[in-house]
């Protein structure tokens, strides 16, 4: 098996975060879930290269600066491991475009946890909301359910 390298970014303005409801593609593992924006690295890209390209493609916004907040290791059934590089940014410019991945919506930070989210996303969103230092989070899923989570190598109790 090989691994996948991805980025995920949460854009912030006026105490709201730009969220993406993945409702466009039928065979999407994230279908119906709310996530940040981002995607897979292309050949030769750094995390920042991927971040800037993906955010521009999906939202129309150009990131001027971003904070690298952590790495999330996703393990799910027999799929390749995914190493997601998590960023936040409140420093961007441009005009929002429609996204072919789903519906973009600015959501109040206090309301994000009420959305249809992956269980593991709630863990790293808490870390982001609390402005935690750079973190490494491992999330293990089986049949779509979170069965193990480790923060900086230590098991998190549910």
N, C-alpha and C. Protein backbone atom coordinates (compact mmCIF):
# COMPACT_ATOMS: atom_id res chain seq x y z
N UNK A 1 0.84 -1.20 0.00
CA UNK A 1 0.00 0.00 0.00
C UNK A 1 0.87 1.24 0.00
N UNK A 2 0.36 2.27 -0.63
CA UNK A 2 1.06 3.54 -0.58
C UNK A 2 0.23 4.52 0.24
N UNK A 3 0.82 5.65 0.55
CA UNK A 3 0.10 6.63 1.35
C UNK A 3 -0.35 7.80 0.48
N UNK A 4 -1.33 8.52 0.98
CA UNK A 4 -1.85 9.70 0.31
C UNK A 4 -1.45 10.93 1.13
N UNK A 5 -1.03 11.97 0.45
CA UNK A 5 -0.73 13.24 1.09
C UNK A 5 -1.79 14.25 0.68
N UNK A 6 -2.40 14.90 1.69
CA UNK A 6 -3.46 15.86 1.41
C UNK A 6 -3.31 17.10 2.30
N UNK A 7 -4.04 18.14 1.94
CA UNK A 7 -4.15 19.34 2.78
C UNK A 7 -5.62 19.57 3.10
N UNK A 8 -5.85 20.25 4.21
CA UNK A 8 -7.18 20.67 4.59
C UNK A 8 -7.03 22.04 5.23
N UNK A 9 -7.86 22.99 4.79
CA UNK A 9 -7.74 24.35 5.31
C UNK A 9 -9.10 24.87 5.76
N UNK A 10 -9.06 25.62 6.85
CA UNK A 10 -10.24 26.31 7.34
C UNK A 10 -9.97 27.80 7.22
N UNK A 11 -10.71 28.46 6.32
CA UNK A 11 -10.62 29.91 6.18
C UNK A 11 -11.53 30.55 7.22
N UNK A 12 -11.04 31.64 7.83
CA UNK A 12 -11.79 32.28 8.91
C UNK A 12 -11.96 33.76 8.65
N UNK A 13 -13.18 34.25 8.89
CA UNK A 13 -13.46 35.70 8.90
C UNK A 13 -14.72 35.94 9.73
N UNK A 14 -14.68 37.01 10.50
CA UNK A 14 -15.83 37.42 11.31
C UNK A 14 -16.39 36.28 12.17
N UNK A 15 -15.48 35.52 12.84
CA UNK A 15 -15.88 34.42 13.72
C UNK A 15 -16.63 33.31 12.99
N UNK A 16 -16.48 33.25 11.66
CA UNK A 16 -17.07 32.18 10.86
C UNK A 16 -15.96 31.46 10.12
N UNK A 17 -16.18 30.19 9.86
CA UNK A 17 -15.25 29.39 9.06
C UNK A 17 -15.95 28.94 7.80
N UNK A 18 -15.21 28.93 6.70
CA UNK A 18 -15.75 28.45 5.43
C UNK A 18 -15.73 26.92 5.45
N UNK A 19 -16.90 26.34 5.34
CA UNK A 19 -17.05 24.89 5.36
C UNK A 19 -17.60 24.42 4.01
N UNK A 20 -17.29 23.18 3.68
CA UNK A 20 -17.71 22.58 2.43
C UNK A 20 -18.56 21.36 2.74
N UNK A 21 -19.81 21.37 2.27
CA UNK A 21 -20.66 20.19 2.38
C UNK A 21 -20.44 19.37 1.11
N UNK A 22 -19.89 18.19 1.26
CA UNK A 22 -19.56 17.35 0.11
C UNK A 22 -20.85 16.68 -0.38
N UNK A 23 -21.54 17.36 -1.29
CA UNK A 23 -22.83 16.86 -1.76
C UNK A 23 -22.92 16.74 -3.28
N UNK A 24 -21.78 16.84 -3.98
CA UNK A 24 -21.82 16.82 -5.44
C UNK A 24 -21.53 15.46 -6.07
N UNK A 25 -20.62 14.70 -5.48
CA UNK A 25 -20.22 13.43 -6.08
C UNK A 25 -20.89 12.26 -5.36
N UNK A 26 -21.42 11.31 -6.14
CA UNK A 26 -22.16 10.20 -5.55
C UNK A 26 -21.27 9.22 -4.81
N UNK A 27 -20.13 8.85 -5.35
CA UNK A 27 -19.26 7.85 -4.73
C UNK A 27 -18.15 8.49 -3.91
N UNK A 28 -18.50 9.51 -3.16
CA UNK A 28 -17.55 10.28 -2.35
C UNK A 28 -17.61 9.76 -0.91
N UNK A 29 -16.46 9.32 -0.38
CA UNK A 29 -16.42 8.84 1.00
C UNK A 29 -16.92 9.91 1.97
N UNK A 30 -16.78 11.18 1.59
CA UNK A 30 -17.21 12.29 2.44
C UNK A 30 -18.63 12.78 2.11
N UNK A 31 -19.37 12.05 1.26
CA UNK A 31 -20.69 12.52 0.82
C UNK A 31 -21.59 12.86 2.02
N UNK A 32 -22.14 14.07 2.00
CA UNK A 32 -23.03 14.53 3.07
C UNK A 32 -22.32 15.08 4.29
N UNK A 33 -21.01 14.97 4.33
CA UNK A 33 -20.23 15.48 5.47
C UNK A 33 -19.77 16.90 5.19
N UNK A 34 -19.57 17.66 6.25
CA UNK A 34 -19.01 19.00 6.19
C UNK A 34 -17.54 18.92 6.55
N UNK A 35 -16.71 19.49 5.71
CA UNK A 35 -15.26 19.50 5.93
C UNK A 35 -14.70 20.86 5.53
N UNK A 36 -13.40 21.05 5.73
CA UNK A 36 -12.73 22.23 5.21
C UNK A 36 -12.45 22.03 3.73
N UNK A 37 -11.68 22.93 3.14
CA UNK A 37 -11.33 22.80 1.73
C UNK A 37 -9.89 22.31 1.59
N UNK A 38 -9.61 21.62 0.51
CA UNK A 38 -8.27 21.11 0.30
C UNK A 38 -8.30 19.94 -0.64
N UNK A 39 -7.20 19.19 -0.68
CA UNK A 39 -7.16 18.05 -1.57
C UNK A 39 -5.80 17.39 -1.60
N UNK A 40 -5.59 16.60 -2.63
CA UNK A 40 -4.39 15.78 -2.78
C UNK A 40 -3.22 16.56 -3.38
N UNK A 41 -2.04 16.25 -2.89
CA UNK A 41 -0.81 16.81 -3.43
C UNK A 41 -0.67 16.38 -4.89
N UNK A 42 -0.14 17.26 -5.70
CA UNK A 42 0.29 16.90 -7.05
C UNK A 42 1.80 16.70 -7.01
N UNK A 43 2.32 16.03 -8.01
CA UNK A 43 3.75 15.71 -8.05
C UNK A 43 4.60 16.96 -7.84
N UNK A 44 5.53 16.85 -6.88
CA UNK A 44 6.48 17.93 -6.62
C UNK A 44 5.97 19.04 -5.73
N UNK A 45 4.72 18.96 -5.26
CA UNK A 45 4.18 20.03 -4.42
C UNK A 45 4.61 19.88 -2.97
N UNK A 46 4.83 21.03 -2.33
CA UNK A 46 4.99 21.08 -0.88
C UNK A 46 3.59 21.18 -0.28
N UNK A 47 3.46 21.02 1.05
CA UNK A 47 2.13 21.22 1.65
C UNK A 47 1.54 22.59 1.32
N UNK A 48 2.38 23.63 1.35
CA UNK A 48 1.88 24.98 1.07
C UNK A 48 1.47 25.12 -0.40
N UNK A 49 2.25 24.54 -1.32
CA UNK A 49 1.89 24.58 -2.74
C UNK A 49 0.50 23.98 -2.94
N UNK A 50 0.28 22.81 -2.36
CA UNK A 50 -1.00 22.12 -2.48
C UNK A 50 -2.12 22.95 -1.85
N UNK A 51 -1.85 23.47 -0.68
CA UNK A 51 -2.83 24.30 0.02
C UNK A 51 -3.28 25.48 -0.84
N UNK A 52 -2.32 26.26 -1.34
CA UNK A 52 -2.65 27.46 -2.11
C UNK A 52 -3.43 27.09 -3.37
N UNK A 53 -3.00 26.03 -4.07
CA UNK A 53 -3.67 25.62 -5.30
C UNK A 53 -5.09 25.12 -5.02
N UNK A 54 -5.22 24.23 -4.05
CA UNK A 54 -6.53 23.64 -3.76
C UNK A 54 -7.54 24.69 -3.28
N UNK A 55 -7.12 25.58 -2.39
CA UNK A 55 -8.04 26.62 -1.90
C UNK A 55 -8.49 27.52 -3.05
N UNK A 56 -7.57 27.89 -3.91
CA UNK A 56 -7.91 28.74 -5.07
C UNK A 56 -8.89 28.01 -5.99
N UNK A 57 -8.61 26.72 -6.29
CA UNK A 57 -9.48 25.95 -7.19
C UNK A 57 -10.87 25.76 -6.61
N UNK A 58 -10.97 25.49 -5.32
CA UNK A 58 -12.26 25.16 -4.72
C UNK A 58 -13.07 26.37 -4.27
N UNK A 59 -12.40 27.48 -3.96
CA UNK A 59 -13.13 28.62 -3.39
C UNK A 59 -13.00 29.91 -4.18
N UNK A 60 -11.94 30.05 -4.96
CA UNK A 60 -11.66 31.31 -5.64
C UNK A 60 -10.79 32.24 -4.81
N UNK A 61 -10.59 31.90 -3.54
CA UNK A 61 -9.77 32.74 -2.67
C UNK A 61 -8.29 32.43 -2.84
N UNK A 62 -7.48 33.47 -2.74
CA UNK A 62 -6.03 33.31 -2.78
C UNK A 62 -5.49 33.54 -1.37
N UNK A 63 -4.85 32.53 -0.83
CA UNK A 63 -4.29 32.65 0.52
C UNK A 63 -3.02 33.48 0.47
N UNK A 64 -2.95 34.48 1.34
CA UNK A 64 -1.75 35.31 1.44
C UNK A 64 -0.79 34.75 2.49
N UNK A 65 -1.35 34.21 3.56
CA UNK A 65 -0.55 33.51 4.57
C UNK A 65 -1.46 32.54 5.31
N UNK A 66 -0.85 31.47 5.82
CA UNK A 66 -1.61 30.44 6.54
C UNK A 66 -0.78 29.91 7.69
N UNK A 67 -1.45 29.35 8.67
CA UNK A 67 -0.78 28.71 9.80
C UNK A 67 -0.88 27.19 9.64
N UNK A 68 0.27 26.53 9.69
CA UNK A 68 0.33 25.07 9.64
C UNK A 68 0.06 24.58 11.05
N UNK A 69 -1.08 23.93 11.27
CA UNK A 69 -1.55 23.63 12.62
C UNK A 69 -1.29 22.21 13.09
N UNK A 70 -1.21 21.25 12.15
CA UNK A 70 -1.00 19.88 12.57
C UNK A 70 -1.07 18.90 11.42
N UNK A 71 -0.79 17.65 11.75
CA UNK A 71 -0.88 16.55 10.79
C UNK A 71 -1.84 15.52 11.36
N UNK A 72 -2.76 15.07 10.53
CA UNK A 72 -3.70 14.03 10.91
C UNK A 72 -3.42 12.80 10.06
N UNK A 73 -3.18 11.67 10.73
CA UNK A 73 -2.98 10.39 10.06
C UNK A 73 -4.30 9.63 10.11
N UNK A 74 -4.86 9.37 8.92
CA UNK A 74 -6.11 8.61 8.83
C UNK A 74 -5.80 7.19 8.39
N UNK A 75 -6.31 6.25 9.16
CA UNK A 75 -6.24 4.84 8.81
C UNK A 75 -7.68 4.35 8.73
N UNK A 76 -8.05 3.76 7.60
CA UNK A 76 -9.43 3.31 7.44
C UNK A 76 -9.48 1.99 6.69
N UNK A 77 -9.93 0.96 7.38
CA UNK A 77 -10.11 -0.36 6.79
C UNK A 77 -8.89 -0.74 5.95
N UNK A 78 -9.10 -1.07 4.68
CA UNK A 78 -8.00 -1.49 3.82
C UNK A 78 -7.52 -0.38 2.89
N UNK A 79 -7.95 0.85 3.12
CA UNK A 79 -7.54 1.98 2.28
C UNK A 79 -6.10 2.37 2.59
N UNK A 80 -5.49 3.11 1.67
CA UNK A 80 -4.17 3.66 1.91
C UNK A 80 -4.23 4.63 3.08
N UNK A 81 -3.14 4.71 3.83
CA UNK A 81 -3.06 5.71 4.90
C UNK A 81 -3.07 7.10 4.27
N UNK A 82 -3.70 8.04 4.93
CA UNK A 82 -3.74 9.43 4.46
C UNK A 82 -3.09 10.32 5.52
N UNK A 83 -2.18 11.17 5.06
CA UNK A 83 -1.52 12.13 5.94
C UNK A 83 -2.00 13.51 5.54
N UNK A 84 -2.91 14.05 6.36
CA UNK A 84 -3.54 15.33 6.06
C UNK A 84 -2.84 16.46 6.82
N UNK A 85 -2.43 17.46 6.08
CA UNK A 85 -1.75 18.64 6.63
C UNK A 85 -2.82 19.70 6.87
N UNK A 86 -3.02 20.06 8.14
CA UNK A 86 -4.11 20.97 8.53
C UNK A 86 -3.59 22.41 8.64
N UNK A 87 -4.32 23.31 7.98
CA UNK A 87 -3.98 24.73 8.00
C UNK A 87 -5.22 25.55 8.36
N UNK A 88 -4.97 26.76 8.88
CA UNK A 88 -6.01 27.77 9.01
C UNK A 88 -5.48 29.06 8.41
N UNK A 89 -6.40 29.90 7.95
CA UNK A 89 -5.99 31.20 7.41
C UNK A 89 -7.10 32.21 7.59
N UNK A 90 -6.69 33.40 8.02
CA UNK A 90 -7.61 34.55 8.04
C UNK A 90 -7.03 35.65 7.15
N UNK A 91 -6.05 35.29 6.32
CA UNK A 91 -5.34 36.23 5.47
C UNK A 91 -5.44 35.77 4.02
N UNK A 92 -6.54 36.17 3.36
CA UNK A 92 -6.79 35.75 1.98
C UNK A 92 -7.53 36.86 1.25
N UNK A 93 -7.56 36.77 -0.06
CA UNK A 93 -8.19 37.79 -0.89
C UNK A 93 -8.94 37.10 -2.03
N UNK A 94 -9.77 37.85 -2.72
CA UNK A 94 -10.47 37.29 -3.87
C UNK A 94 -11.96 37.20 -3.65
N UNK A 95 -12.63 36.64 -4.65
CA UNK A 95 -14.07 36.48 -4.62
C UNK A 95 -14.43 35.00 -4.67
N UNK A 96 -15.39 34.62 -3.83
CA UNK A 96 -15.79 33.23 -3.75
C UNK A 96 -16.44 32.77 -5.04
N UNK A 97 -16.11 31.55 -5.45
CA UNK A 97 -16.71 30.92 -6.62
C UNK A 97 -17.50 29.70 -6.16
N UNK A 98 -18.32 29.14 -7.05
CA UNK A 98 -18.99 27.90 -6.68
C UNK A 98 -17.99 26.75 -6.80
N UNK A 99 -18.18 25.75 -5.99
CA UNK A 99 -17.23 24.64 -5.88
C UNK A 99 -17.84 23.38 -6.48
N UNK A 100 -17.09 22.71 -7.35
CA UNK A 100 -17.63 21.48 -7.95
C UNK A 100 -17.57 20.29 -7.00
N UNK A 101 -16.98 20.47 -5.82
CA UNK A 101 -16.92 19.40 -4.81
C UNK A 101 -18.16 19.38 -3.92
N UNK A 102 -18.89 20.51 -3.87
CA UNK A 102 -20.06 20.59 -3.01
C UNK A 102 -20.44 22.03 -2.75
N UNK A 103 -21.14 22.25 -1.64
CA UNK A 103 -21.67 23.56 -1.28
C UNK A 103 -20.79 24.23 -0.24
N UNK A 104 -20.31 25.45 -0.56
CA UNK A 104 -19.53 26.24 0.39
C UNK A 104 -20.46 27.11 1.22
N UNK A 105 -20.18 27.20 2.52
CA UNK A 105 -21.00 28.05 3.39
C UNK A 105 -20.17 28.55 4.55
N UNK A 106 -20.30 29.84 4.89
CA UNK A 106 -19.66 30.41 6.07
C UNK A 106 -20.51 30.05 7.28
N UNK A 107 -19.89 29.36 8.24
CA UNK A 107 -20.60 28.86 9.42
C UNK A 107 -19.97 29.47 10.68
N UNK A 108 -20.81 29.96 11.59
CA UNK A 108 -20.31 30.47 12.87
C UNK A 108 -19.53 29.35 13.57
N UNK A 109 -18.37 29.71 14.13
CA UNK A 109 -17.54 28.71 14.80
C UNK A 109 -18.32 27.92 15.85
N UNK A 110 -19.20 28.61 16.57
CA UNK A 110 -19.98 27.95 17.63
C UNK A 110 -20.97 26.93 17.08
N UNK A 111 -21.30 27.01 15.78
CA UNK A 111 -22.30 26.11 15.20
C UNK A 111 -21.67 24.94 14.42
N UNK A 112 -20.38 24.97 14.22
CA UNK A 112 -19.73 23.95 13.38
C UNK A 112 -19.92 22.55 13.93
N UNK A 113 -19.86 22.38 15.24
CA UNK A 113 -19.98 21.03 15.81
C UNK A 113 -21.38 20.45 15.66
N UNK A 114 -22.36 21.29 15.26
CA UNK A 114 -23.72 20.80 15.02
C UNK A 114 -23.90 20.25 13.61
N UNK A 115 -22.89 20.42 12.76
CA UNK A 115 -22.96 19.93 11.39
C UNK A 115 -22.72 18.42 11.35
N UNK A 116 -23.00 17.81 10.21
CA UNK A 116 -22.70 16.39 10.00
C UNK A 116 -21.20 16.26 9.73
N UNK A 117 -20.43 15.94 10.77
CA UNK A 117 -18.98 15.85 10.72
C UNK A 117 -18.52 14.43 10.99
N UNK A 118 -17.34 14.08 10.50
CA UNK A 118 -16.69 12.85 10.94
C UNK A 118 -16.36 12.99 12.42
N UNK A 119 -16.43 11.88 13.17
CA UNK A 119 -16.12 11.92 14.61
C UNK A 119 -14.71 12.46 14.86
N UNK A 120 -13.75 12.00 14.09
CA UNK A 120 -12.37 12.45 14.27
C UNK A 120 -12.18 13.92 13.98
N UNK A 121 -12.99 14.46 13.04
CA UNK A 121 -12.88 15.89 12.74
C UNK A 121 -13.21 16.73 13.96
N UNK A 122 -14.14 16.26 14.78
CA UNK A 122 -14.52 16.99 15.99
C UNK A 122 -13.30 17.13 16.92
N UNK A 123 -12.43 16.10 16.93
CA UNK A 123 -11.24 16.16 17.79
C UNK A 123 -10.29 17.23 17.31
N UNK A 124 -9.96 17.24 16.00
CA UNK A 124 -8.99 18.25 15.56
C UNK A 124 -9.61 19.63 15.46
N UNK A 125 -10.93 19.72 15.25
CA UNK A 125 -11.56 21.04 15.28
C UNK A 125 -11.46 21.64 16.68
N UNK A 126 -11.64 20.81 17.72
CA UNK A 126 -11.47 21.28 19.10
C UNK A 126 -10.06 21.83 19.30
N UNK A 127 -9.06 21.12 18.78
CA UNK A 127 -7.67 21.58 18.91
C UNK A 127 -7.49 22.93 18.21
N UNK A 128 -8.09 23.06 17.03
CA UNK A 128 -7.98 24.33 16.31
C UNK A 128 -8.69 25.46 17.06
N UNK A 129 -9.89 25.18 17.55
CA UNK A 129 -10.66 26.19 18.28
C UNK A 129 -9.93 26.66 19.53
N UNK A 130 -9.22 25.73 20.19
CA UNK A 130 -8.49 26.06 21.42
C UNK A 130 -7.10 26.63 21.13
N UNK A 131 -6.79 26.78 19.84
CA UNK A 131 -5.48 27.30 19.43
C UNK A 131 -4.34 26.46 20.02
N UNK A 132 -4.52 25.14 19.99
CA UNK A 132 -3.52 24.21 20.52
C UNK A 132 -2.23 24.33 19.71
N UNK A 133 -1.09 24.00 20.33
CA UNK A 133 0.17 24.00 19.57
C UNK A 133 0.13 22.91 18.50
N UNK A 134 1.10 22.96 17.58
CA UNK A 134 1.18 21.99 16.48
C UNK A 134 0.97 20.58 17.03
N UNK A 135 0.13 19.81 16.34
CA UNK A 135 -0.23 18.49 16.85
C UNK A 135 -0.10 17.42 15.77
N UNK A 136 0.01 16.18 16.25
CA UNK A 136 -0.06 14.99 15.41
C UNK A 136 -1.19 14.14 15.95
N UNK A 137 -2.20 13.92 15.13
CA UNK A 137 -3.38 13.17 15.54
C UNK A 137 -3.53 11.96 14.63
N UNK A 138 -3.68 10.79 15.22
CA UNK A 138 -3.92 9.57 14.46
C UNK A 138 -5.35 9.13 14.71
N UNK A 139 -6.09 8.91 13.61
CA UNK A 139 -7.48 8.49 13.68
C UNK A 139 -7.62 7.17 12.94
N UNK A 140 -8.17 6.16 13.60
CA UNK A 140 -8.35 4.85 12.99
C UNK A 140 -9.86 4.58 12.90
N UNK A 141 -10.31 4.33 11.67
CA UNK A 141 -11.72 4.05 11.41
C UNK A 141 -11.89 2.61 10.94
N UNK A 142 -13.01 2.02 11.31
CA UNK A 142 -13.41 0.71 10.79
C UNK A 142 -14.88 0.82 10.42
N UNK A 143 -15.17 0.49 9.17
CA UNK A 143 -16.55 0.58 8.66
C UNK A 143 -17.18 1.95 8.93
N UNK A 144 -16.39 3.02 8.80
CA UNK A 144 -16.91 4.37 8.97
C UNK A 144 -17.01 4.86 10.40
N UNK A 145 -16.65 4.00 11.38
CA UNK A 145 -16.71 4.39 12.79
C UNK A 145 -15.31 4.57 13.35
N UNK A 146 -15.13 5.62 14.13
CA UNK A 146 -13.85 5.89 14.77
C UNK A 146 -13.63 4.87 15.89
N UNK A 147 -12.54 4.10 15.79
CA UNK A 147 -12.28 3.08 16.81
C UNK A 147 -11.06 3.39 17.66
N UNK A 148 -10.21 4.32 17.20
CA UNK A 148 -9.03 4.70 17.98
C UNK A 148 -8.58 6.10 17.59
N UNK A 149 -8.15 6.85 18.59
CA UNK A 149 -7.57 8.17 18.33
C UNK A 149 -6.39 8.38 19.27
N UNK A 150 -5.31 8.91 18.70
CA UNK A 150 -4.09 9.18 19.46
C UNK A 150 -3.64 10.61 19.17
N UNK A 151 -3.41 11.36 20.21
CA UNK A 151 -2.90 12.72 20.08
C UNK A 151 -1.47 12.74 20.54
N UNK A 152 -0.57 13.13 19.64
CA UNK A 152 0.86 13.17 19.92
C UNK A 152 1.35 11.84 20.53
N UNK A 153 0.81 10.73 19.97
CA UNK A 153 1.23 9.39 20.36
C UNK A 153 0.50 8.78 21.53
N UNK A 154 -0.34 9.55 22.21
CA UNK A 154 -1.04 9.05 23.40
C UNK A 154 -2.51 8.80 23.08
N UNK A 155 -3.00 7.63 23.53
CA UNK A 155 -4.39 7.28 23.28
C UNK A 155 -5.32 8.28 23.96
N UNK A 156 -6.33 8.74 23.19
CA UNK A 156 -7.36 9.60 23.75
C UNK A 156 -8.51 8.73 24.23
N UNK A 157 -8.97 9.00 25.41
CA UNK A 157 -10.13 8.28 25.94
C UNK A 157 -11.38 8.93 25.37
N UNK A 158 -12.37 8.09 25.01
CA UNK A 158 -13.60 8.65 24.44
C UNK A 158 -14.59 9.09 25.47
